[in-house]
Amino acid sequence: MQVIEYKCPNCGSGMVFDSETGMLSCQSCGRKDDIKNIADPLGNGVFSGDEVQEYHCTSCGAVIMTEAETAATVCSFCGSAVVLGDRLSGKLAPAMVIPFSISKEEAMQAFKKWCKNGLLTPGGFMTADRIKGITGMYVPFWLYELHNKVDVYGQATKVRTYTKGDYRYTETQHYDVYRRLRLDYSKIPIDASEKMNDELMDKLEPFPYDQLKGFKTPYLAGYVAEKYSYNDEQLLPRAKDKISGYIESAISASVTGYSTVNFINKQIDTKVRGADYTLLPVWVVHYDYNKKEYTFAMNGQTGKVVGKPPISKAKVMSWFAGVSGVSLLLLKLISLMMGGGFL
């Protein structure tokens, strides 16, 4: 069992990752250390990870209560930021991470602003004062690089209509169509956490991949992190399904200038050139309204908020009534302008 805490060399307080400066920061004395210069205590050690069930805080000695997927958390007794090293090593070691750039305070303000933009949400919801909790979480993703060989066969027509003398002619030319495409896609993100809603995570995209860093444990200090629930082979079908729309668009774009196109056979051979285990930053917001709990997510780099807020039936009815009233008024005005009556 390996529990990692970062202690300030000046005052001994716990240090956490500062999203504003991108450095490891002491909240007591203000010391900041560049993560590039900090040796990662994990090194190349290999741990079993899956067998560990109990951890102890190195600051207060309390048992750290975690779920099987937890890789970084905060001690519930003394508040120290801890990283569970054996859940981030060996086969469980992430290759890359995108650090948070939005602080908890900024996330709260952005979420409140987002709530107030809901035109059809209940008035009580828009006050955004029912936030039960907001958690900065590094969610495990696999970033795939997929290379595709695509061969498509089909039949197409070109239709030309023209007039000659007193007759109108329609000329149809038939073609056999063949296309061979090479389509490569990189950094296709698929979330690997069993607990996270896949649809919610998909809507958080895009993440700024230019901010990818080689993984080091100090980035996790002060946040919650999870290890993957599914490996890259298990999630490969989802990755293939995710790029299927792009492949279909590319095929359609390659066959233009025809009146009709009917594909008879499509052969798509997909090869995995890489799958990098990556941790991506997400603020998870739990919101209590009208005895129901709603979950929202915010991209920890871009600030994009996704989720389904409640809908006010009264506002929906008012909106439709307003639209109907305006439409009725426009019809009446048009009728009057044309000199007709209006019933």
Protein backbone atom coordinates (compact mmCIF):
# COMPACT_ATOMS: atom_id res chain seq x y z
CA MET A 1 0.00 0.00 0.00
CA GLN A 2 1.46 3.32 -1.04
CA VAL A 3 -0.11 6.61 0.03
CA ILE A 4 1.51 9.73 -1.41
CA GLU A 5 1.20 13.19 0.12
CA TYR A 6 3.10 16.32 -0.86
CA LYS A 7 4.33 18.23 2.17
CA CYS A 8 5.56 21.80 1.97
CA PRO A 9 9.34 21.96 2.64
CA ASN A 10 8.82 25.33 4.34
CA CYS A 11 5.94 24.76 6.77
CA GLY A 12 5.05 21.09 6.50
CA SER A 13 1.48 21.72 5.33
CA GLY A 14 -0.07 19.68 2.54
CA MET A 15 0.45 20.96 -0.99
CA VAL A 16 -2.11 20.77 -3.80
CA PHE A 17 -2.15 21.39 -7.54
CA ASP A 18 -2.96 25.03 -8.36
CA SER A 19 -5.04 25.25 -11.56
CA GLU A 20 -4.20 28.93 -12.05
CA THR A 21 -0.40 28.60 -12.04
CA GLY A 22 -0.08 24.94 -12.97
CA MET A 23 2.25 24.44 -10.01
CA LEU A 24 2.17 22.53 -6.73
CA SER A 25 1.06 25.08 -4.15
CA CYS A 26 1.05 25.36 -0.36
CA GLN A 27 -2.14 27.01 0.83
CA SER A 28 -0.55 27.90 4.18
CA CYS A 29 2.67 29.74 3.31
CA GLY A 30 2.16 30.29 -0.41
CA ARG A 31 5.17 28.29 -1.62
CA LYS A 32 4.88 27.09 -5.22
CA ASP A 33 6.95 24.34 -6.85
CA ASP A 34 7.25 23.59 -10.55
CA ILE A 35 5.93 20.08 -11.15
CA LYS A 36 8.55 19.53 -13.84
CA ASN A 37 11.22 19.65 -11.14
CA ILE A 38 9.45 17.25 -8.76
CA ALA A 39 10.52 13.61 -8.88
CA ASP A 40 7.55 11.28 -9.20
CA PRO A 41 7.66 8.89 -6.23
CA LEU A 42 5.99 6.17 -8.29
CA GLY A 43 8.99 5.81 -10.56
CA ASN A 44 8.69 2.57 -12.45
CA GLY A 45 7.38 0.51 -9.56
CA VAL A 46 4.81 -2.16 -10.28
CA PHE A 47 2.03 -2.85 -7.79
CA SER A 48 -0.95 -5.17 -7.85
CA GLY A 49 -3.38 -2.30 -7.24
CA ASP A 50 -6.53 -4.40 -7.48
CA GLU A 51 -5.88 -6.17 -4.16
CA VAL A 52 -5.49 -3.08 -1.98
CA GLN A 53 -8.57 -2.22 0.09
CA GLU A 54 -7.42 -0.10 3.04
CA TYR A 55 -5.18 2.95 3.20
CA HIS A 56 -4.03 5.19 6.04
CA CYS A 57 -3.47 8.94 5.88
CA THR A 58 0.18 9.70 6.54
CA SER A 59 -0.76 13.00 8.20
CA CYS A 60 -3.30 11.89 10.81
CA GLY A 61 -3.23 8.09 10.57
CA ALA A 62 -6.95 7.81 9.83
CA VAL A 63 -8.24 5.12 7.53
CA ILE A 64 -8.92 6.56 4.08
CA MET A 65 -12.28 5.33 2.88
CA THR A 66 -12.19 4.72 -0.87
CA GLU A 67 -14.01 2.83 -3.54
CA ALA A 68 -12.22 0.25 -5.65
CA GLU A 69 -11.75 2.72 -8.53
CA THR A 70 -10.40 5.65 -6.46
CA ALA A 71 -6.85 6.69 -7.32
CA ALA A 72 -6.66 10.08 -5.57
CA THR A 73 -8.81 11.65 -2.89
CA VAL A 74 -8.86 13.82 0.23
CA CYS A 75 -8.67 12.52 3.80
CA SER A 76 -12.12 13.07 5.31
CA PHE A 77 -10.61 13.67 8.77
CA CYS A 78 -7.77 16.14 8.26
CA GLY A 79 -8.37 17.24 4.66
CA SER A 80 -4.95 16.18 3.37
CA ALA A 81 -4.70 15.52 -0.34
CA VAL A 82 -3.58 11.93 -0.93
CA VAL A 83 -2.68 9.90 -3.99
CA LEU A 84 -2.99 6.12 -3.88
CA GLY A 85 0.19 5.17 -5.65
CA ASP A 86 -0.48 1.49 -6.21
CA ARG A 87 -3.56 2.37 -8.23
CA LEU A 88 -1.52 4.48 -10.62
CA SER A 89 1.44 2.20 -11.23
CA GLY A 90 2.37 -0.64 -13.52
CA LYS A 91 -0.52 -1.53 -15.81
CA LEU A 92 -2.64 1.10 -14.03
CA ALA A 93 -0.24 3.96 -14.77
CA PRO A 94 -1.73 6.72 -16.95
CA ALA A 95 0.34 7.85 -19.90
CA MET A 96 -0.94 11.44 -19.97
CA VAL A 97 -3.05 13.96 -18.12
CA ILE A 98 -4.72 17.27 -18.93
CA PRO A 99 -4.50 19.34 -15.72
CA PHE A 100 -7.33 21.52 -14.42
CA SER A 101 -7.19 25.16 -15.51
CA ILE A 102 -10.49 26.17 -13.84
CA SER A 103 -10.53 26.50 -10.06
CA LYS A 104 -13.39 25.38 -7.83
CA GLU A 105 -14.50 28.98 -7.27
CA GLU A 106 -14.47 29.69 -11.01
CA ALA A 107 -16.40 26.49 -11.67
CA MET A 108 -19.07 27.47 -9.12
CA GLN A 109 -19.52 30.92 -10.67
CA ALA A 110 -19.64 29.51 -14.20
CA PHE A 111 -22.26 26.94 -13.18
CA LYS A 112 -24.45 29.59 -11.51
CA LYS A 113 -24.24 31.71 -14.66
CA TRP A 114 -25.17 28.69 -16.78
CA CYS A 115 -28.21 27.99 -14.57
CA LYS A 116 -29.52 31.52 -15.07
CA ASN A 117 -29.41 31.11 -18.86
CA GLY A 118 -32.11 28.42 -18.79
CA LEU A 119 -35.17 30.03 -20.39
CA LEU A 120 -37.48 27.13 -19.57
CA THR A 121 -36.05 26.07 -16.21
CA PRO A 122 -38.04 26.76 -13.01
CA GLY A 123 -37.34 30.09 -11.35
CA GLY A 124 -36.25 28.41 -8.12
CA PHE A 125 -33.70 26.32 -9.98
CA MET A 126 -32.12 29.35 -11.58
CA THR A 127 -31.05 30.75 -8.20
CA ALA A 128 -28.37 28.02 -8.18
CA ASP A 129 -28.29 27.94 -4.40
CA ARG A 130 -29.04 24.24 -4.03
CA ILE A 131 -25.64 22.87 -4.96
CA LYS A 132 -25.05 19.82 -2.76
CA GLY A 133 -21.48 19.36 -3.81
CA ILE A 134 -18.91 20.07 -6.50
CA THR A 135 -16.00 17.71 -7.03
CA GLY A 136 -12.92 18.12 -9.18
CA MET A 137 -12.38 14.70 -10.71
CA TYR A 138 -9.81 13.27 -13.09
CA VAL A 139 -11.87 10.87 -15.19
CA PRO A 140 -10.07 7.97 -16.91
CA PHE A 141 -10.24 7.95 -20.70
CA TRP A 142 -8.65 5.92 -23.45
CA LEU A 143 -7.41 8.05 -26.36
CA TYR A 144 -7.39 5.86 -29.45
CA GLU A 145 -5.48 6.20 -32.69
CA LEU A 146 -7.40 4.28 -35.35
CA HIS A 147 -6.27 3.71 -38.93
CA ASN A 148 -8.95 2.65 -41.41
CA LYS A 149 -8.75 1.08 -44.85
CA VAL A 150 -12.05 1.66 -46.60
CA ASP A 151 -13.17 0.03 -49.86
CA VAL A 152 -16.63 0.85 -51.19
CA TYR A 153 -18.46 -0.39 -54.26
CA GLY A 154 -21.67 1.00 -55.66
CA GLN A 155 -23.75 2.14 -58.59
CA ALA A 156 -24.46 5.73 -59.54
CA THR A 157 -26.47 7.60 -62.10
CA LYS A 158 -26.33 10.94 -63.84
CA VAL A 159 -29.67 12.23 -65.05
CA ARG A 160 -29.94 14.93 -67.72
CA THR A 161 -33.22 16.42 -68.95
CA TYR A 162 -33.36 18.44 -72.16
CA THR A 163 -35.84 19.59 -74.80
CA LYS A 164 -35.48 18.93 -78.54
CA GLY A 165 -38.17 20.10 -80.86
CA ASP A 166 -41.55 19.28 -79.43
CA TYR A 167 -40.17 16.59 -77.15
CA ARG A 168 -38.65 16.59 -73.67
CA TYR A 169 -36.02 13.93 -73.09
CA THR A 170 -34.56 12.42 -69.90
CA GLU A 171 -31.17 10.80 -70.32
CA THR A 172 -29.87 8.51 -67.56
CA GLN A 173 -26.27 7.33 -67.54
CA HIS A 174 -25.23 4.45 -65.26
CA TYR A 175 -21.83 4.10 -63.60
CA ASP A 176 -20.03 1.60 -61.46
CA VAL A 177 -18.39 3.39 -58.54
CA TYR A 178 -15.33 2.29 -56.53
CA ARG A 179 -13.48 4.24 -53.91
CA ARG A 180 -10.49 3.29 -51.76
CA LEU A 181 -9.88 5.57 -48.78
CA ARG A 182 -7.30 5.71 -46.02
CA LEU A 183 -8.75 7.46 -42.99
CA ASP A 184 -6.69 7.95 -39.84
CA TYR A 185 -8.14 9.37 -36.61
CA SER A 186 -6.17 10.18 -33.49
CA LYS A 187 -7.09 11.02 -29.89
CA ILE A 188 -10.58 9.51 -30.06
CA PRO A 189 -11.73 9.83 -26.42
CA ILE A 190 -13.75 7.09 -24.70
CA ASP A 191 -14.37 7.37 -20.96
CA ALA A 192 -13.32 4.26 -19.07
CA SER A 193 -15.17 4.85 -15.79
CA GLU A 194 -18.13 2.62 -15.01
CA LYS A 195 -19.70 5.27 -12.76
CA MET A 196 -19.61 8.18 -15.21
CA ASN A 197 -22.49 8.68 -17.65
CA ASP A 198 -21.14 8.04 -21.17
CA GLU A 199 -23.52 10.51 -22.82
CA LEU A 200 -22.53 13.24 -20.37
CA MET A 201 -18.82 12.61 -20.92
CA ASP A 202 -19.22 12.63 -24.73
CA LYS A 203 -20.94 16.02 -24.58
CA LEU A 204 -18.01 17.52 -22.66
CA GLU A 205 -15.81 17.30 -25.73
CA PRO A 206 -13.67 18.67 -27.11
CA PHE A 207 -10.81 18.70 -24.64
CA PRO A 208 -7.77 20.82 -25.57
CA TYR A 209 -5.28 18.11 -26.43
CA ASP A 210 -2.53 20.67 -26.85
CA GLN A 211 -2.59 20.81 -23.03
CA LEU A 212 -1.70 17.12 -22.64
CA LYS A 213 1.13 16.50 -20.20
CA GLY A 214 3.15 13.42 -19.42
CA PHE A 215 1.57 11.97 -16.29
CA LYS A 216 2.99 12.90 -12.88
CA THR A 217 1.21 12.35 -9.57
CA PRO A 218 1.46 16.00 -8.33
CA TYR A 219 -1.23 16.98 -10.86
CA LEU A 220 -3.72 14.93 -8.82
CA ALA A 221 -3.00 16.49 -5.42
CA GLY A 222 -6.20 18.04 -4.06
CA TYR A 223 -8.51 16.35 -6.57
CA VAL A 224 -10.33 13.05 -6.86
CA ALA A 225 -9.10 10.62 -9.49
CA GLU A 226 -10.29 7.23 -10.67
CA LYS A 227 -8.54 4.34 -12.33
CA TYR A 228 -10.11 2.79 -15.40
CA SER A 229 -12.92 0.25 -15.05
CA TYR A 230 -12.53 -1.06 -18.61
CA ASN A 231 -9.37 -1.68 -20.61
CA ASP A 232 -8.76 -0.46 -24.15
CA GLU A 233 -9.80 -3.75 -25.78
CA GLN A 234 -13.16 -3.74 -23.99
CA LEU A 235 -13.94 -0.20 -25.16
CA LEU A 236 -12.67 -0.56 -28.72
CA PRO A 237 -16.19 -1.23 -30.12
CA ARG A 238 -17.33 2.13 -28.71
CA ALA A 239 -14.36 3.86 -30.32
CA LYS A 240 -15.15 2.27 -33.69
CA ASP A 241 -18.78 3.28 -33.37
CA LYS A 242 -17.74 6.84 -32.53
CA ILE A 243 -15.79 7.27 -35.77
CA SER A 244 -18.36 5.52 -37.95
CA GLY A 245 -20.16 8.79 -38.66
CA TYR A 246 -16.91 10.45 -39.76
CA ILE A 247 -16.16 7.52 -42.06
CA GLU A 248 -19.63 7.67 -43.64
CA SER A 249 -19.22 11.42 -44.21
CA ALA A 250 -15.84 10.88 -45.85
CA ILE A 251 -17.29 8.20 -48.14
CA SER A 252 -20.16 10.47 -49.19
CA ALA A 253 -17.79 13.37 -49.82
CA SER A 254 -15.67 11.19 -52.10
CA VAL A 255 -18.59 10.44 -54.45
CA THR A 256 -19.98 13.69 -55.82
CA GLY A 257 -21.42 14.88 -59.12
CA TYR A 258 -23.95 12.08 -59.44
CA SER A 259 -27.76 12.26 -59.32
CA THR A 260 -28.06 9.08 -57.27
CA VAL A 261 -25.56 6.80 -55.52
CA ASN A 262 -26.32 3.35 -54.15
CA PHE A 263 -23.53 1.59 -52.26
CA ILE A 264 -23.65 -2.17 -52.67
CA ASN A 265 -20.67 -3.14 -50.51
CA LYS A 266 -18.56 -1.38 -47.89
CA GLN A 267 -15.46 -2.94 -46.40
CA ILE A 268 -13.90 -1.12 -43.46
CA ASP A 269 -10.75 -2.53 -41.90
CA THR A 270 -9.83 -0.72 -38.67
CA LYS A 271 -6.45 -1.14 -37.01
CA VAL A 272 -5.57 0.18 -33.56
CA ARG A 273 -2.26 2.04 -33.72
CA GLY A 274 -2.37 3.12 -30.09
CA ALA A 275 -4.57 3.63 -27.05
CA ASP A 276 -3.24 5.95 -24.36
CA TYR A 277 -4.62 5.79 -20.84
CA THR A 278 -5.30 9.45 -20.00
CA LEU A 279 -6.86 11.38 -17.12
CA LEU A 280 -9.09 14.32 -18.14
CA PRO A 281 -10.35 17.09 -15.81
CA VAL A 282 -14.07 17.24 -14.99
CA TRP A 283 -15.97 19.23 -12.38
CA VAL A 284 -18.96 17.14 -11.25
CA VAL A 285 -21.85 19.13 -9.76
CA HIS A 286 -24.62 17.52 -7.70
CA TYR A 287 -27.68 19.74 -7.50
CA ASP A 288 -30.75 19.21 -5.33
CA TYR A 289 -34.07 20.58 -6.56
CA ASN A 290 -37.65 19.64 -5.71
CA LYS A 291 -36.54 16.48 -3.85
CA LYS A 292 -34.60 15.23 -6.87
CA GLU A 293 -30.86 15.22 -7.47
CA TYR A 294 -29.45 16.37 -10.80
CA THR A 295 -25.90 15.74 -11.97
CA PHE A 296 -24.03 18.16 -14.21
CA ALA A 297 -20.50 18.08 -15.52
CA MET A 298 -18.10 20.83 -16.52
CA ASN A 299 -15.02 20.52 -18.69
CA GLY A 300 -12.18 21.42 -16.31
CA GLN A 301 -10.25 23.16 -19.09
CA THR A 302 -12.86 24.88 -21.27
CA GLY A 303 -15.67 25.51 -18.76
CA LYS A 304 -18.31 23.84 -20.96
CA VAL A 305 -21.28 22.69 -18.85
CA VAL A 306 -23.51 19.74 -19.79
CA GLY A 307 -26.53 18.16 -18.13
CA LYS A 308 -30.31 18.14 -18.21
CA PRO A 309 -31.95 20.71 -15.93
CA PRO A 310 -35.63 20.41 -14.96
CA ILE A 311 -38.21 22.00 -17.25
CA SER A 312 -40.96 24.31 -15.97
CA LYS A 313 -44.35 23.21 -17.38
CA ALA A 314 -45.74 26.69 -16.76
CA LYS A 315 -42.93 28.31 -18.75
CA VAL A 316 -43.35 25.82 -21.60
CA MET A 317 -47.08 26.56 -21.79
CA SER A 318 -46.41 30.31 -21.70
CA TRP A 319 -43.82 29.96 -24.44
CA PHE A 320 -46.20 28.04 -26.72
CA ALA A 321 -49.00 30.49 -25.94
CA GLY A 322 -46.71 33.37 -26.89
CA VAL A 323 -45.63 31.71 -30.14
CA SER A 324 -49.25 30.91 -31.04
CA GLY A 325 -50.33 34.47 -30.28
CA VAL A 326 -47.61 35.97 -32.46
CA SER A 327 -48.41 33.54 -35.30
CA LEU A 328 -52.12 34.41 -35.09
CA LEU A 329 -51.33 38.13 -35.19
CA LEU A 330 -49.05 37.72 -38.22
CA LEU A 331 -51.71 35.79 -40.11
CA LYS A 332 -54.25 38.51 -39.38
CA LEU A 333 -51.91 41.25 -40.57
CA ILE A 334 -51.10 39.37 -43.78
CA SER A 335 -54.80 38.81 -44.42
CA LEU A 336 -55.59 42.49 -43.91
CA MET A 337 -52.73 43.56 -46.17
CA MET A 338 -54.10 41.32 -48.93
CA GLY A 339 -57.54 42.88 -48.54
CA GLY A 340 -59.19 39.83 -47.12
CA GLY A 341 -61.09 39.16 -43.98
CA PHE A 342 -59.90 37.16 -41.00
CA LEU A 343 -61.99 34.78 -38.99
